[in-house]
Structure formats: structure tokens, C-alpha cells
C-alpha atoms as a PDB file:
ATOM      1  CA  UNK A   1     -16.389  -6.767  -9.706  1.00  0.00           C
ATOM      2  CA  UNK A   2     -13.429  -5.076  -8.139  1.00  0.00           C
ATOM      3  CA  UNK A   3     -10.155  -4.492  -9.976  1.00  0.00           C
ATOM      4  CA  UNK A   4      -6.538  -3.785  -9.193  1.00  0.00           C
ATOM      5  CA  UNK A   5      -4.073  -2.612 -11.849  1.00  0.00           C
ATOM      6  CA  UNK A   6      -6.549  -3.750 -14.506  1.00  0.00           C
ATOM      7  CA  UNK A   7      -6.921  -7.270 -13.092  1.00  0.00           C
ATOM      8  CA  UNK A   8     -10.398  -8.477 -12.174  1.00  0.00           C
ATOM      9  CA  UNK A   9     -10.839  -9.703  -8.604  1.00  0.00           C
ATOM     10  CA  UNK A  10     -13.250 -12.419  -7.505  1.00  0.00           C
ATOM     11  CA  UNK A  11     -15.382 -12.462  -4.341  1.00  0.00           C
ATOM     12  CA  UNK A  12     -12.353 -13.701  -2.348  1.00  0.00           C
ATOM     13  CA  UNK A  13     -10.276 -10.698  -3.473  1.00  0.00           C
ATOM     14  CA  UNK A  14      -8.095 -12.873  -5.726  1.00  0.00           C
ATOM     15  CA  UNK A  15      -7.187 -12.295  -9.374  1.00  0.00           C
ATOM     16  CA  UNK A  16      -9.669 -14.088 -11.628  1.00  0.00           C
ATOM     17  CA  UNK A  17      -8.001 -13.238 -14.956  1.00  0.00           C
ATOM     18  CA  UNK A  18      -5.917 -15.896 -16.724  1.00  0.00           C
ATOM     19  CA  UNK A  19      -2.181 -15.354 -16.594  1.00  0.00           C
ATOM     20  CA  UNK A  20       0.728 -14.910 -14.251  1.00  0.00           C
ATOM     21  CA  UNK A  21      -1.396 -13.706 -11.294  1.00  0.00           C
ATOM     22  CA  UNK A  22      -4.383 -16.028 -11.702  1.00  0.00           C
ATOM     23  CA  UNK A  23      -5.785 -17.089  -8.318  1.00  0.00           C
ATOM     24  CA  UNK A  24      -3.391 -14.944  -6.295  1.00  0.00           C
ATOM     25  CA  UNK A  25      -4.445 -12.386  -3.661  1.00  0.00           C
ATOM     26  CA  UNK A  26      -4.955  -8.785  -4.837  1.00  0.00           C
ATOM     27  CA  UNK A  27      -1.807  -7.593  -3.086  1.00  0.00           C
ATOM     28  CA  UNK A  28       0.417  -9.768  -5.331  1.00  0.00           C
ATOM     29  CA  UNK A  29       0.040  -7.797  -8.611  1.00  0.00           C
ATOM     30  CA  UNK A  30       0.243  -4.597  -6.547  1.00  0.00           C
ATOM     31  CA  UNK A  31       3.575  -5.644  -5.008  1.00  0.00           C
ATOM     32  CA  UNK A  32       4.827  -7.111  -8.286  1.00  0.00           C
ATOM     33  CA  UNK A  33       4.297  -3.694  -9.847  1.00  0.00           C
ATOM     34  CA  UNK A  34       6.441  -2.236  -7.041  1.00  0.00           C
ATOM     35  CA  UNK A  35       9.124  -4.820  -7.792  1.00  0.00           C
ATOM     36  CA  UNK A  36       9.055  -4.061 -11.527  1.00  0.00           C
ATOM     37  CA  UNK A  37       9.566  -0.384 -10.688  1.00  0.00           C
ATOM     38  CA  UNK A  38      12.572  -1.076  -8.473  1.00  0.00           C
ATOM     39  CA  UNK A  39      10.865  -0.941  -5.097  1.00  0.00           C
ATOM     40  CA  UNK A  40      11.130  -3.756  -2.609  1.00  0.00           C
ATOM     41  CA  UNK A  41      11.895  -3.896   1.077  1.00  0.00           C
ATOM     42  CA  UNK A  42      14.495  -6.621   0.694  1.00  0.00           C
ATOM     43  CA  UNK A  43      15.623  -9.229  -1.791  1.00  0.00           C
ATOM     44  CA  UNK A  44      17.446 -12.500  -1.411  1.00  0.00           C
ATOM     45  CA  UNK A  45      18.853 -15.186  -3.662  1.00  0.00           C
ATOM     46  CA  UNK A  46      18.263 -18.743  -2.596  1.00  0.00           C
ATOM     47  CA  UNK A  47      20.062 -21.102  -4.898  1.00  0.00           C
ATOM     48  CA  UNK A  48      19.163 -19.947  -8.386  1.00  0.00           C
ATOM     49  CA  UNK A  49      15.927 -18.229  -7.317  1.00  0.00           C
ATOM     50  CA  UNK A  50      15.497 -14.520  -6.702  1.00  0.00           C
ATOM     51  CA  UNK A  51      12.963 -13.539  -4.034  1.00  0.00           C
ATOM     52  CA  UNK A  52      11.455 -10.082  -3.599  1.00  0.00           C
ATOM     53  CA  UNK A  53      10.383  -9.359  -0.018  1.00  0.00           C
ATOM     54  CA  UNK A  54       7.841  -6.902   1.351  1.00  0.00           C
ATOM     55  CA  UNK A  55       7.227  -6.404   5.043  1.00  0.00           C
ATOM     56  CA  UNK A  56       3.572  -6.134   6.024  1.00  0.00           C
ATOM     57  CA  UNK A  57       3.108  -2.708   7.594  1.00  0.00           C
ATOM     58  CA  UNK A  58       0.112  -0.564   8.484  1.00  0.00           C
ATOM     59  CA  UNK A  59       0.084   1.089   5.045  1.00  0.00           C
ATOM     60  CA  UNK A  60      -0.171  -2.278   3.298  1.00  0.00           C
ATOM     61  CA  UNK A  61      -2.793  -3.469   5.793  1.00  0.00           C
ATOM     62  CA  UNK A  62      -4.864  -0.338   5.073  1.00  0.00           C
ATOM     63  CA  UNK A  63      -4.835  -1.082   1.314  1.00  0.00           C
ATOM     64  CA  UNK A  64      -5.517  -4.807   1.655  1.00  0.00           C
ATOM     65  CA  UNK A  65      -7.905  -5.982   4.380  1.00  0.00           C
ATOM     66  CA  UNK A  66      -6.712  -9.559   3.780  1.00  0.00           C
ATOM     67  CA  UNK A  67      -3.577  -8.540   5.696  1.00  0.00           C
ATOM     68  CA  UNK A  68      -5.255  -7.402   8.909  1.00  0.00           C
ATOM     69  CA  UNK A  69      -3.922 -10.363  10.892  1.00  0.00           C
ATOM     70  CA  UNK A  70      -1.146  -8.833  12.982  1.00  0.00           C
ATOM     71  CA  UNK A  71       0.878 -12.049  12.830  1.00  0.00           C
ATOM     72  CA  UNK A  72       1.373 -11.504   9.059  1.00  0.00           C
ATOM     73  CA  UNK A  73       4.975 -10.347   8.792  1.00  0.00           C
ATOM     74  CA  UNK A  74       6.344 -10.547   5.238  1.00  0.00           C
ATOM     75  CA  UNK A  75       5.249 -11.368   1.707  1.00  0.00           C
ATOM     76  CA  UNK A  76       7.767 -13.090  -0.527  1.00  0.00           C
ATOM     77  CA  UNK A  77       7.311 -13.050  -4.306  1.00  0.00           C
ATOM     78  CA  UNK A  78       9.159 -14.999  -6.965  1.00  0.00           C
ATOM     79  CA  UNK A  79       8.652 -15.911 -10.593  1.00  0.00           C
ATOM     80  CA  UNK A  80       8.612 -19.504 -11.821  1.00  0.00           C
ATOM     81  CA  UNK A  81      10.529 -20.653 -14.885  1.00  0.00           C
ATOM     82  CA  UNK A  82       7.177 -20.657 -16.690  1.00  0.00           C
ATOM     83  CA  UNK A  83       6.602 -16.966 -15.924  1.00  0.00           C
ATOM     84  CA  UNK A  84       3.971 -17.335 -13.211  1.00  0.00           C
ATOM     85  CA  UNK A  85       4.319 -15.266 -10.062  1.00  0.00           C
ATOM     86  CA  UNK A  86       4.231 -17.095  -6.742  1.00  0.00           C
ATOM     87  CA  UNK A  87       3.777 -15.667  -3.288  1.00  0.00           C
ATOM     88  CA  UNK A  88       3.998 -16.744   0.308  1.00  0.00           C
ATOM     89  CA  UNK A  89       2.778 -14.860   3.346  1.00  0.00           C
ATOM     90  CA  UNK A  90       5.100 -15.493   6.288  1.00  0.00           C
ATOM     91  CA  UNK A  91       4.708 -15.003  10.005  1.00  0.00           C
ATOM     92  CA  UNK A  92       7.938 -13.773  11.642  1.00  0.00           C
ATOM     93  CA  UNK A  93       9.234 -17.186  12.718  1.00  0.00           C
ATOM     94  CA  UNK A  94       8.692 -18.679   9.253  1.00  0.00           C
ATOM     95  CA  UNK A  95      10.350 -15.683   7.627  1.00  0.00           C
ATOM     96  CA  UNK A  96      13.410 -15.910   9.902  1.00  0.00           C
ATOM     97  CA  UNK A  97      13.733 -19.615   9.111  1.00  0.00           C
ATOM     98  CA  UNK A  98      13.401 -18.972   5.353  1.00  0.00           C
ATOM     99  CA  UNK A  99      16.120 -16.292   5.393  1.00  0.00           C
ATOM    100  CA  UNK A 100      18.404 -18.463   7.530  1.00  0.00           C
ATOM    101  CA  UNK A 101      18.013 -21.411   5.145  1.00  0.00           C
ATOM    102  CA  UNK A 102      18.730 -19.207   2.133  1.00  0.00           C
ATOM    103  CA  UNK A 103      21.801 -17.681   3.756  1.00  0.00           C
ATOM    104  CA  UNK A 104      23.108 -21.175   4.627  1.00  0.00           C
ATOM    105  CA  UNK A 105      22.477 -22.420   1.108  1.00  0.00           C
ATOM    106  CA  UNK A 106      24.223 -19.380  -0.380  1.00  0.00           C
ATOM    107  CA  UNK A 107      27.293 -19.939   1.809  1.00  0.00           C
ATOM    108  CA  UNK A 108      27.580 -23.519   0.565  1.00  0.00           C
ATOM    109  CA  UNK A 109      27.835 -22.407  -3.081  1.00  0.00           C
END
């Protein structure tokens, strides 16, 4: 079986180990490690949640074949109150809408 950062990957290239990354694509622990080391392309608060954002570029596509779809634009990561990491892969239009909603919500506070 393949591994990334010590996590075992299943045949679908998702983390099979129990814990905060269980069932998530291989790029999630990779990008979470970037976040924990102070590297992210962008971040945004939306209400009380902090989101770490990574834009899908050719370098990321080369490392993770799951991201070869050229409509993939950004990956957003956040941690739940229970300590599990969540992710969402946005196309550009979805990403723009997400950022707009967060900015509107932040202005209301």
C-alpha cells in the first residue's frame, strides 16, 4: 500500500488510517502539513471558522493525479471542533461564491 507522511492510503488514494484524516484524499494530510508549518496560499475567517486555502497549480497536480481535472481550482481545509480535518475541492465559480459569502458574513459581525 502507498503512504503519505506516514499515513496508509487505500486503492482510491485516500487515507485508510483512523484519525483526523480518515477517508480523505492523499493531498489533505500533505496540505495540512503545509498549513502546520505556516504555508498556505490564502486564509479566511468565516464566522468563527478558520479556513486554509490552497490553489491547485501544476506542481500540486504533478504530485496528486487526483487533481488532474483542470476545472479544480482551490482546496479549502478546516478543522472541526472534534479535531477532524475537513476539505472541499472547489471549481472557480464555487470558490468565488464561498469567498464572497464569507466576506459578507464577516462584514455583518
